[in-house]
Protein backbone atom coordinates (compact mmCIF):
# COMPACT_ATOMS: atom_id res chain seq x y z
CA MET A 1 -48.41 -33.18 -54.30
CA LYS A 2 -50.14 -30.01 -52.19
CA THR A 3 -48.33 -31.77 -49.03
CA ASN A 4 -44.85 -32.14 -50.66
CA GLU A 5 -44.79 -28.54 -52.02
CA ASN A 6 -45.78 -27.15 -48.89
CA LYS A 7 -43.27 -29.34 -47.53
CA ARG A 8 -40.82 -27.92 -49.50
CA ILE A 9 -42.17 -23.96 -48.79
CA LEU A 10 -41.47 -24.67 -45.19
CA ILE A 11 -38.24 -25.77 -45.57
CA LEU A 12 -37.32 -23.17 -47.97
CA LEU A 13 -38.80 -20.78 -44.92
CA ILE A 14 -36.71 -22.70 -42.08
CA PHE A 15 -33.60 -22.22 -44.42
CA LEU A 16 -34.35 -18.45 -44.79
CA ILE A 17 -34.65 -17.93 -41.17
CA VAL A 18 -31.84 -19.66 -40.21
CA LEU A 19 -29.70 -17.73 -42.65
CA LEU A 20 -31.45 -14.19 -41.35
CA LEU A 21 -30.79 -15.44 -37.85
CA SER A 22 -27.08 -16.52 -37.94
CA PRO A 23 -25.22 -13.11 -38.29
CA VAL A 24 -27.41 -12.36 -35.19
CA ILE A 25 -26.29 -14.91 -33.10
CA TYR A 26 -23.21 -15.01 -34.28
CA LEU A 27 -22.93 -11.27 -33.34
CA THR A 28 -24.55 -11.97 -30.21
CA TYR A 29 -22.05 -14.66 -29.24
CA PHE A 30 -19.05 -12.36 -30.35
CA THR A 31 -20.17 -9.04 -28.67
CA ILE A 32 -20.53 -10.92 -25.26
CA PHE A 33 -17.77 -13.76 -25.27
CA LYS A 34 -15.04 -12.68 -28.00
CA ALA A 35 -15.48 -8.62 -28.13
CA GLN A 36 -13.07 -8.28 -25.21
CA ASP A 37 -10.59 -10.42 -26.48
CA ALA A 38 -10.54 -8.82 -29.91
CA ILE A 39 -10.27 -5.19 -28.12
CA LYS A 40 -7.42 -6.37 -26.31
CA ASN A 41 -5.46 -7.95 -29.22
CA PRO A 42 -2.35 -6.67 -29.93
CA ALA A 43 -2.86 -6.27 -33.79
CA ASN A 44 -5.80 -3.77 -33.04
CA ARG A 45 -5.23 -0.35 -32.95
CA ARG A 46 -8.82 0.62 -32.55
CA PRO A 47 -8.42 1.12 -28.28
CA ALA A 48 -5.03 3.37 -29.01
CA LEU A 49 -6.97 5.11 -31.49
CA ALA A 50 -10.17 5.89 -29.28
CA GLU A 51 -7.66 6.61 -26.42
CA ASN A 52 -5.63 9.19 -28.05
CA SER A 53 -9.04 11.08 -29.49
CA VAL A 54 -9.32 11.74 -25.97
CA LYS A 55 -8.35 14.19 -23.96
CA ARG A 56 -7.29 12.69 -20.45
CA GLY A 57 -8.45 13.93 -17.36
CA ASN A 58 -6.15 15.85 -15.12
CA ILE A 59 -4.67 14.31 -12.00
CA TYR A 60 -4.91 16.46 -8.63
CA ASP A 61 -3.33 16.24 -4.89
CA ARG A 62 -5.84 16.69 -2.17
CA ASP A 63 -5.03 20.65 -2.03
CA GLY A 64 -6.26 20.73 -5.70
CA LYS A 65 -2.55 20.90 -7.58
CA VAL A 66 -2.16 19.57 -10.95
CA LEU A 67 0.06 16.81 -10.99
CA ALA A 68 -0.75 15.31 -14.70
CA TYR A 69 -2.72 17.20 -17.60
CA SER A 70 -2.71 16.70 -21.23
CA THR A 71 -2.07 19.42 -24.06
CA GLY A 72 -1.67 19.42 -27.46
CA GLU A 73 -4.08 18.78 -30.43
CA LYS A 74 -6.42 15.72 -30.64
CA TYR A 75 -4.57 12.40 -31.49
CA GLN A 76 -1.43 14.28 -30.53
CA TYR A 77 -2.12 14.97 -26.86
CA GLN A 78 1.27 15.24 -24.66
CA ARG A 79 1.08 14.29 -21.35
CA VAL A 80 2.61 16.77 -18.44
CA TYR A 81 3.60 16.61 -15.49
CA ASN A 82 4.23 18.78 -12.66
CA TYR A 83 5.95 16.87 -10.26
CA PRO A 84 7.74 14.29 -12.82
CA VAL A 85 10.30 13.11 -9.81
CA ILE A 86 8.76 12.83 -6.63
CA TYR A 87 5.00 11.42 -8.09
CA SER A 88 6.79 8.84 -10.16
CA HIS A 89 5.54 5.84 -8.30
CA ILE A 90 2.21 7.14 -7.42
CA VAL A 91 0.85 9.37 -10.53
CA GLY A 92 3.35 7.28 -12.94
CA TYR A 93 3.38 7.58 -16.68
CA SER A 94 0.91 7.56 -20.04
CA ASN A 95 3.52 6.97 -22.82
CA ARG A 96 2.41 5.83 -26.20
CA ILE A 97 6.15 4.29 -26.43
CA VAL A 98 6.52 2.75 -22.86
CA SER A 99 2.39 2.28 -22.01
CA LYS A 100 1.29 3.05 -18.87
CA TYR A 101 1.73 3.04 -14.68
CA GLY A 102 1.01 3.97 -11.74
CA ILE A 103 -2.24 5.92 -11.23
CA GLU A 104 -2.36 6.89 -15.01
CA LYS A 105 -2.63 2.67 -15.40
CA GLU A 106 -4.87 1.51 -12.97
CA PHE A 107 -7.30 4.70 -13.55
CA ASN A 108 -7.06 4.61 -17.33
CA GLU A 109 -10.92 3.66 -17.69
CA TYR A 110 -11.70 6.96 -15.71
CA LEU A 111 -9.19 9.56 -17.11
CA VAL A 112 -10.05 8.61 -20.99
CA GLY A 113 -13.67 8.52 -20.12
CA LYS A 114 -13.97 4.65 -20.95
CA ASN A 115 -16.09 4.45 -17.49
CA GLY A 116 -19.68 4.24 -17.77
CA SER A 117 -22.05 3.84 -20.97
CA LYS A 118 -20.96 5.37 -23.87
CA LEU A 119 -24.90 6.03 -24.73
CA ALA A 120 -25.83 7.30 -21.51
CA LYS A 121 -23.16 9.83 -21.39
CA THR A 122 -23.88 10.88 -25.60
CA PHE A 123 -27.91 11.56 -24.29
CA LYS A 124 -26.13 13.43 -21.20
CA SER A 125 -23.78 15.69 -23.12
CA LEU A 126 -27.08 17.09 -25.25
CA VAL A 127 -29.01 18.03 -22.13
CA ASN A 128 -25.52 18.94 -20.11
CA LYS A 129 -23.43 21.73 -22.58
CA ASN A 130 -20.86 21.67 -20.09
CA MET A 131 -19.84 18.03 -20.68
CA ASP A 132 -17.62 16.90 -22.80
CA LEU A 133 -17.34 13.83 -24.40
CA ASN A 134 -13.65 14.26 -25.90
CA MET A 135 -12.12 14.73 -22.18
CA GLY A 136 -11.49 12.23 -19.38
CA ASP A 137 -12.45 12.23 -16.24
CA SER A 138 -10.18 13.91 -13.63
CA VAL A 139 -8.63 12.51 -10.30
CA THR A 140 -7.92 13.68 -7.01
CA LEU A 141 -5.83 12.00 -4.78
CA THR A 142 -5.45 12.28 -0.82
CA THR A 143 -1.73 13.03 -1.21
CA ASN A 144 -0.12 16.37 0.19
CA THR A 145 2.56 17.41 -2.14
CA ASP A 146 4.62 19.73 0.06
CA LEU A 147 4.48 16.25 2.60
CA GLN A 148 5.22 14.21 -0.74
CA LYS A 149 8.06 16.59 -1.49
CA LYS A 150 9.61 16.63 1.82
CA VAL A 151 9.60 12.92 2.33
CA ARG A 152 11.59 12.45 -0.91
CA GLN A 153 13.87 15.17 0.08
CA VAL A 154 14.71 13.54 3.49
CA LEU A 155 14.41 10.12 2.26
CA ALA A 156 16.77 10.42 -1.12
CA ASP A 157 19.36 12.93 0.44
CA ASN A 158 20.39 10.31 2.73
CA TYR A 159 20.08 7.00 1.63
CA GLU A 160 20.39 5.04 -1.83
CA LYS A 161 16.95 3.03 -1.48
CA GLY A 162 13.69 2.76 1.14
CA SER A 163 10.56 3.80 1.33
CA ILE A 164 8.64 6.08 3.42
CA VAL A 165 4.60 5.71 3.71
CA MET A 166 2.58 8.07 5.86
CA MET A 167 -1.17 7.86 6.33
CA ASN A 168 -3.93 9.39 8.14
CA PRO A 169 -4.99 6.03 10.57
CA LYS A 170 -7.94 7.11 11.00
CA THR A 171 -9.43 7.47 7.51
CA GLY A 172 -6.71 5.23 5.90
CA GLU A 173 -6.17 8.34 3.45
CA ILE A 174 -2.32 8.04 2.25
CA LEU A 175 -0.78 11.08 2.47
CA ALA A 176 2.79 10.46 1.40
CA MET A 177 4.44 7.77 -0.05
CA VAL A 178 8.11 7.62 -1.62
CA SER A 179 10.03 4.51 -2.86
CA ILE A 180 13.75 5.25 -3.97
CA PRO A 181 15.45 4.81 -6.58
CA ASP A 182 12.52 6.51 -8.62
CA PHE A 183 12.83 7.66 -12.03
CA ASN A 184 11.15 11.06 -13.84
CA SER A 185 7.96 10.29 -15.27
CA GLN A 186 8.28 13.07 -18.08
CA ASN A 187 11.25 11.67 -19.62
CA ILE A 188 9.94 7.89 -19.10
CA ALA A 189 10.47 6.80 -22.81
CA LYS A 190 14.10 8.84 -23.57
CA ASP A 191 15.41 7.29 -20.36
CA MET A 192 14.05 3.64 -20.59
CA GLU A 193 17.05 2.10 -21.83
CA GLU A 194 19.19 3.84 -19.22
CA ILE A 195 16.97 2.78 -16.52
CA ASN A 196 17.46 -0.77 -17.80
CA LYS A 197 20.89 -0.62 -18.43
CA LYS A 198 21.34 0.33 -14.58
CA ASN A 199 18.91 -2.00 -13.45
CA ASN A 200 18.57 -0.82 -10.13
CA GLY A 201 15.06 -1.26 -8.91
CA ALA A 202 14.09 2.55 -10.10
CA LEU A 203 10.68 0.92 -11.48
CA PHE A 204 9.74 -1.01 -8.89
CA ASN A 205 7.55 0.83 -6.07
CA ASN A 206 9.31 -0.72 -2.08
CA SER A 207 5.94 0.68 -0.81
CA THR A 208 3.41 -1.49 -2.06
CA LEU A 209 5.88 -4.27 -3.84
CA GLY A 210 8.63 -4.57 -1.75
CA LYS A 211 8.58 -7.33 0.77
CA PHE A 212 11.28 -7.03 3.73
CA ALA A 213 11.81 -9.10 7.02
CA PRO A 214 10.46 -6.52 9.39
CA GLY A 215 12.05 -7.49 12.86
CA SER A 216 11.29 -5.77 16.24
CA VAL A 217 8.34 -3.73 14.42
CA PHE A 218 6.33 -6.90 14.28
CA LYS A 219 6.32 -6.81 18.44
CA ILE A 220 3.33 -4.84 18.00
CA VAL A 221 1.68 -8.00 16.46
CA THR A 222 3.32 -10.32 18.92
CA THR A 223 2.32 -8.04 21.59
CA ALA A 224 -1.31 -7.83 20.36
CA ALA A 225 -1.11 -11.84 20.49
CA ILE A 226 0.20 -11.95 23.79
CA LEU A 227 -2.59 -9.48 25.54
CA GLU A 228 -5.13 -11.88 23.74
CA SER A 229 -4.28 -14.62 24.83
CA GLY A 230 -4.02 -13.89 28.45
CA ILE A 231 -0.83 -15.64 29.20
CA SER A 232 1.29 -14.23 32.25
CA GLN A 233 3.23 -11.17 30.95
CA ASN A 234 6.18 -11.65 33.37
CA TYR A 235 9.30 -13.29 32.30
CA ILE A 236 12.68 -13.61 33.93
CA ASP A 237 15.51 -12.80 31.63
CA LYS A 238 18.79 -14.72 31.47
CA GLY A 239 19.86 -13.50 28.42
CA VAL A 240 19.68 -16.65 26.74
CA GLU A 241 16.20 -18.23 25.32
CA LYS A 242 16.53 -21.94 24.69
CA VAL A 243 13.94 -23.22 22.61
CA ASP A 244 12.54 -27.20 23.76
CA ASP A 245 14.26 -28.49 20.16
CA GLY A 246 17.53 -26.85 21.73
CA ARG A 247 17.93 -23.94 20.08
CA GLU A 248 19.29 -20.85 21.87
CA PHE A 249 18.39 -17.34 21.06
CA LYS A 250 20.19 -14.34 22.53
CA ASN A 251 19.19 -10.77 23.15
CA SER A 252 21.01 -8.50 20.65
CA THR A 253 22.74 -6.43 23.22
CA GLY A 254 24.13 -9.54 25.04
CA LYS A 255 22.19 -8.22 28.78
CA ALA A 256 20.23 -10.07 31.12
CA TYR A 257 17.53 -8.18 32.40
CA GLY A 258 16.12 -10.37 35.33
CA HIS A 259 12.84 -10.20 36.26
CA ILE A 260 10.81 -7.74 33.54
CA ASN A 261 7.25 -7.39 32.23
CA LEU A 262 5.94 -6.55 28.86
CA LYS A 263 6.40 -3.11 28.75
CA THR A 264 9.84 -3.37 30.22
CA ALA A 265 10.64 -6.22 26.94
CA PHE A 266 8.47 -3.61 24.44
CA THR A 267 10.58 -0.81 25.60
CA LYS A 268 13.61 -2.60 25.75
CA SER A 269 13.06 -4.75 22.76
CA ILE A 270 14.10 -7.92 24.31
CA ASN A 271 14.36 -10.64 22.29
CA THR A 272 14.44 -13.39 24.70
CA TYR A 273 10.91 -12.51 26.36
CA PHE A 274 9.38 -12.36 23.01
CA ILE A 275 10.63 -16.00 21.58
CA ARG A 276 9.31 -17.20 24.91
CA LYS A 277 6.02 -15.86 24.68
CA ALA A 278 5.39 -16.07 21.22
CA ILE A 279 5.92 -20.15 21.60
CA ASP A 280 3.78 -19.94 25.05
CA VAL A 281 1.31 -18.35 23.21
CA GLY A 282 1.08 -20.57 20.84
CA THR A 283 0.44 -20.92 16.55
CA SER A 284 -3.22 -20.71 16.59
CA ILE A 285 -3.82 -17.38 18.14
CA PHE A 286 -0.58 -16.23 17.15
CA SER A 287 -1.75 -16.48 13.52
CA SER A 288 -5.08 -15.42 14.02
CA VAL A 289 -4.33 -12.29 15.20
CA CYS A 290 -1.50 -12.09 12.31
CA GLU A 291 -4.56 -12.69 9.88
CA LYS A 292 -6.50 -9.88 11.62
CA PHE A 293 -3.56 -7.28 10.66
CA MET A 294 -4.19 -8.49 7.21
CA ILE A 295 -0.86 -10.60 6.96
CA ASN A 296 -1.79 -13.29 4.17
CA LYS A 297 -4.70 -11.64 3.21
CA ASP A 298 -5.32 -9.56 -0.05
CA VAL A 299 -5.48 -5.48 0.88
CA ASP A 300 -7.63 -3.86 -2.03
CA PHE A 301 -5.45 -0.74 -3.04
CA ASP A 302 -5.57 1.89 -6.06
CA LEU A 303 -2.13 0.86 -7.03
CA PRO A 304 -1.20 -3.05 -7.28
CA LEU A 305 0.31 -4.50 -3.65
CA GLU A 306 1.92 -7.77 -2.56
CA VAL A 307 0.69 -9.25 0.25
CA SER A 308 2.72 -9.48 3.23
CA THR A 309 2.98 -12.99 4.12
CA TRP A 310 3.93 -15.57 6.94
CA SER A 311 3.92 -19.11 6.20
CA TYR A 312 3.11 -20.66 9.63
CA ASN A 313 1.34 -23.68 8.16
CA ARG A 314 4.30 -24.97 6.07
CA GLN A 315 6.04 -28.27 6.69
CA GLY A 316 8.48 -28.46 9.26
CA PHE A 317 6.91 -25.47 11.14
CA ASP A 318 8.26 -25.66 14.52
CA LYS A 319 8.72 -23.96 18.07
CA THR A 320 12.15 -22.35 17.03
CA ALA A 321 9.98 -20.91 13.62
CA LEU A 322 7.55 -19.63 15.87
CA GLY A 323 9.46 -18.44 18.16
CA SER A 324 11.44 -16.71 15.92
CA ALA A 325 8.32 -15.14 14.49
CA GLY A 326 7.25 -13.44 17.45
CA MET A 327 10.53 -10.92 17.22
CA GLY A 328 9.59 -10.59 13.46
CA HIS A 329 11.94 -12.86 12.21
CA ASP A 330 11.18 -16.69 10.39
CA ASP A 331 9.87 -16.17 7.14
CA ILE A 332 7.69 -13.16 7.86
CA LEU A 333 8.14 -10.80 5.23
CA VAL A 334 6.33 -7.25 4.65
CA THR A 335 5.45 -4.34 2.71
CA PRO A 336 6.11 -0.92 4.07
CA LEU A 337 2.62 -0.06 3.52
CA GLU A 338 1.39 -3.24 5.41
CA MET A 339 3.21 -1.67 8.41
CA CYS A 340 1.77 1.38 8.21
CA LEU A 341 -1.06 -0.56 8.42
CA ILE A 342 -0.10 -2.24 11.79
CA THR A 343 0.76 1.06 13.03
CA SER A 344 -2.45 2.78 11.81
CA THR A 345 -4.06 0.40 13.93
CA ILE A 346 -3.06 1.23 17.45
CA ALA A 347 -2.84 5.07 16.86
CA ASN A 348 -7.01 3.99 15.84
CA GLU A 349 -8.08 2.23 18.89
CA GLY A 350 -7.84 -1.09 17.02
CA LEU A 351 -9.58 -0.85 13.74
CA MET A 352 -7.76 -1.08 11.20
CA MET A 353 -8.78 1.49 8.18
CA LYS A 354 -8.82 0.63 3.98
CA PRO A 355 -6.10 2.05 2.56
CA TYR A 356 -6.72 4.53 -0.18
CA LEU A 357 -4.84 6.82 -2.68
CA VAL A 358 -7.69 8.09 -4.96
CA LYS A 359 -9.74 10.62 -3.00
CA SER A 360 -12.33 11.49 -5.75
CA ILE A 361 -13.54 11.07 -9.39
CA ASP A 362 -14.85 14.19 -11.36
CA GLY A 363 -16.41 13.98 -14.85
CA SER A 364 -15.84 16.26 -17.68
CA ASP A 365 -18.60 17.96 -16.76
CA GLY A 366 -17.70 18.70 -13.42
CA LYS A 367 -20.08 16.28 -11.18
CA ASN A 368 -18.90 13.72 -8.77
CA ILE A 369 -18.32 10.54 -10.53
CA LEU A 370 -16.85 8.52 -7.12
CA ARG A 371 -16.31 9.67 -3.62
CA ARG A 372 -14.44 7.54 -1.19
CA ASN A 373 -15.32 7.51 2.27
CA PRO A 374 -13.22 5.95 5.26
CA GLU A 375 -14.48 1.94 5.76
CA VAL A 376 -12.64 -0.62 8.34
CA LEU A 377 -10.89 -3.15 6.64
CA SER A 378 -10.44 -4.70 9.99
CA GLU A 379 -11.51 -4.97 13.72
CA VAL A 380 -8.27 -6.00 15.10
CA MET A 381 -8.21 -5.87 18.94
CA THR A 382 -10.37 -3.89 21.43
CA LYS A 383 -10.20 -0.83 22.18
CA GLU A 384 -8.30 -1.03 25.76
CA HIS A 385 -5.40 -3.48 23.98
CA ALA A 386 -4.72 -1.03 21.32
CA ASN A 387 -4.40 1.83 24.60
CA LEU A 388 -1.97 -0.47 25.88
CA ILE A 389 0.03 -1.06 23.07
CA ARG A 390 0.26 3.08 22.33
CA ASP A 391 1.46 3.42 25.81
CA MET A 392 4.37 1.04 25.58
CA MET A 393 5.04 3.01 22.12
CA VAL A 394 5.48 6.38 23.34
CA ASN A 395 7.63 4.67 26.39
CA VAL A 396 10.04 3.29 23.07
CA VAL A 397 10.07 7.22 22.31
CA ASN A 398 10.62 8.55 25.72
CA ASN A 399 12.67 6.36 27.76
CA GLY A 400 13.94 2.95 25.05
CA THR A 401 15.26 2.42 21.84
CA GLY A 402 13.39 4.97 19.80
CA THR A 403 14.64 8.41 21.47
CA GLU A 404 15.72 9.48 17.65
CA ALA A 405 12.36 9.72 16.83
CA TYR A 406 11.41 12.46 19.94
CA VAL A 407 9.58 15.59 18.03
CA ARG A 408 9.55 18.53 20.63
CA GLY A 409 6.26 19.87 21.04
CA TYR A 410 4.57 16.52 20.22
CA GLN A 411 4.48 13.16 21.81
CA VAL A 412 5.41 10.33 19.50
CA ALA A 413 4.47 6.78 20.18
CA GLY A 414 7.23 4.17 18.11
CA LYS A 415 9.08 0.79 17.65
CA THR A 416 12.35 0.62 16.19
CA GLY A 417 13.04 -2.68 14.44
CA THR A 418 16.07 -4.15 12.73
CA ALA A 419 16.12 -7.15 10.53
CA GLN A 420 19.41 -8.83 10.31
CA PHE A 421 19.50 -10.77 6.96
CA ASN A 422 23.11 -11.03 6.13
CA ILE A 423 24.84 -11.97 9.52
CA THR A 424 28.55 -12.19 7.22
CA GLU A 425 28.07 -8.98 5.77
CA GLY A 426 26.24 -7.19 9.00
CA LYS A 427 23.57 -5.93 6.65
CA ASN A 428 19.72 -4.85 8.25
CA ASN A 429 16.58 -3.77 7.13
CA ALA A 430 16.40 -0.60 9.19
CA TRP A 431 12.67 0.00 10.07
CA PHE A 432 10.67 2.93 12.22
CA VAL A 433 6.70 3.28 12.91
CA GLY A 434 4.96 5.36 14.93
CA PHE A 435 2.38 7.78 14.95
CA ALA A 436 1.52 11.25 16.43
CA PRO A 437 0.55 12.93 18.54
CA ALA A 438 -0.15 9.69 20.44
CA ASP A 439 -3.19 11.13 22.33
CA ASP A 440 -4.94 11.81 19.37
CA PRO A 441 -3.43 10.98 16.35
CA LYS A 442 -3.30 12.88 13.13
CA VAL A 443 0.06 11.15 10.83
CA ALA A 444 1.31 7.47 11.17
CA ILE A 445 4.44 6.63 9.24
CA SER A 446 6.69 3.83 8.27
CA VAL A 447 10.00 3.57 7.45
CA VAL A 448 12.30 1.18 6.26
CA ILE A 449 16.03 1.03 4.85
CA PRO A 450 17.03 -2.12 3.62
CA ASN A 451 20.55 -3.25 2.96
CA ILE A 452 22.47 -1.30 5.47
CA ALA A 453 24.65 -1.88 8.59
CA ASP A 454 22.80 -0.19 11.38
CA TYR A 455 20.20 -0.35 13.44
CA GLY A 456 16.36 1.38 13.47
CA GLY A 457 16.73 3.66 15.78
CA LYS A 458 20.04 5.50 14.60
CA VAL A 459 19.01 5.06 10.81
CA ALA A 460 15.44 4.89 10.55
CA ALA A 461 13.77 6.83 14.00
CA PRO A 462 15.88 10.10 12.94
CA LEU A 463 14.00 10.53 9.55
CA ALA A 464 10.59 9.67 11.30
CA SER A 465 11.06 12.31 13.52
CA GLU A 466 11.66 15.31 11.01
CA LEU A 467 8.93 13.96 8.57
CA LEU A 468 6.21 14.21 11.64
CA LYS A 469 6.92 17.19 12.73
CA TYR A 470 6.64 19.14 9.07
CA ALA A 471 3.36 17.27 8.83
CA LEU A 472 1.93 18.06 12.08
CA ASP A 473 3.37 21.32 11.50
CA ASN A 474 1.60 22.04 8.01
CA ILE A 475 -0.94 19.62 6.84
CA LYS A 476 -4.68 20.60 7.70
CA PHE A 477 -6.23 17.69 9.14
CA GLU A 478 -9.63 17.57 8.89
CA GLU A 479 -11.69 15.77 12.00
CA VAL A 480 -13.11 13.03 11.91
CA GLU A 481 -16.81 12.32 13.11
CA ASP A 482 -17.10 9.11 15.20
């Protein structure tokens, strides 16, 4: 009798324990596995209310100029942009109606103070009276606003579409990055209907998301592959290069140059030379060099960045495709930022630096949370090979296709490119990439003007000349330790 009674008590006890533990187990499961789904559910208004209760942190340029700040009362804060057009594709916008874009979106966790433990911040605020829990962190960019303004003015005054990226090749810092068409961040909610109606790509960042056929600027990569392979650099140019499978390629000028070497071919941008040499280098070495330059590879960046691509391992790939790739065609597609990275690699003696836009992040108490330092992204080539290509790029500007990029008082190294994508209409992507001063590079540039009936040397090079001179004359560059 007593045994049965003990069993009933034990069963009841187990039942009560299960009853008590069930909510704990469920809450633990919910917190670990389901909480984020609930937070992200569009029907959940709590995250939005929590964000609206926080005054978003400021965004600054490298010199401390305020690019974005918030004003107003709690739950009614309004975002103010001091440079709403020139920074539209970088800073972007934070708007209750049309959501977020740019740095405002990618660094939202910091700007609303969500990054880090709330409990830890609360304890810190008890000790540090300067810490405001209702103020987000501030973000400082690497950009120079005067240069950003100049780049946008030069580009927009001349063309309806295009991209220009300027960076410090030794650090990876983005100094300026402009994509047109663009928009006004301050008026984004009011203008959105008109932007959608025009449908001209104003909300599309050509610098990081646009993928363009590079044409002859890609001969920088082909040249690196030629140097790495160790094949002969000599060639007899007859004006036509016939690939083994029967396809014929001609020089853009129709001229036959006779006995030439790599330096002459690069300076004059002779297509037949690079077609033959790419085939001689072979797919294995050429593709390996491309991937060292981060073709087909993800590059971690502060804004969404498309992967630059070349599908050399596709079915049906042959010598004609390989030769075409040697002059920057086939199906090679690159972003303007990628071409700036490629150019910067030559300027930085063969090392590609990781690109970045955000220089530092500081808490509401003024204490630093994050600080970026230069970081090598890829060891692409030897210093000797990089310097050989640099000298060829100098010759392009002094004696070749890039003379329009000449800058009085500074030696510029550069490469022009014209990628024909519509033969019937004669439309091209016009490119120029380069850096200066050639002997101690401070700034690298990538310019692309798409869908235009002209050449990179005539269209893109003059813009680069003006902007390189402006940057070198007006920006104080920090010395980089070896």
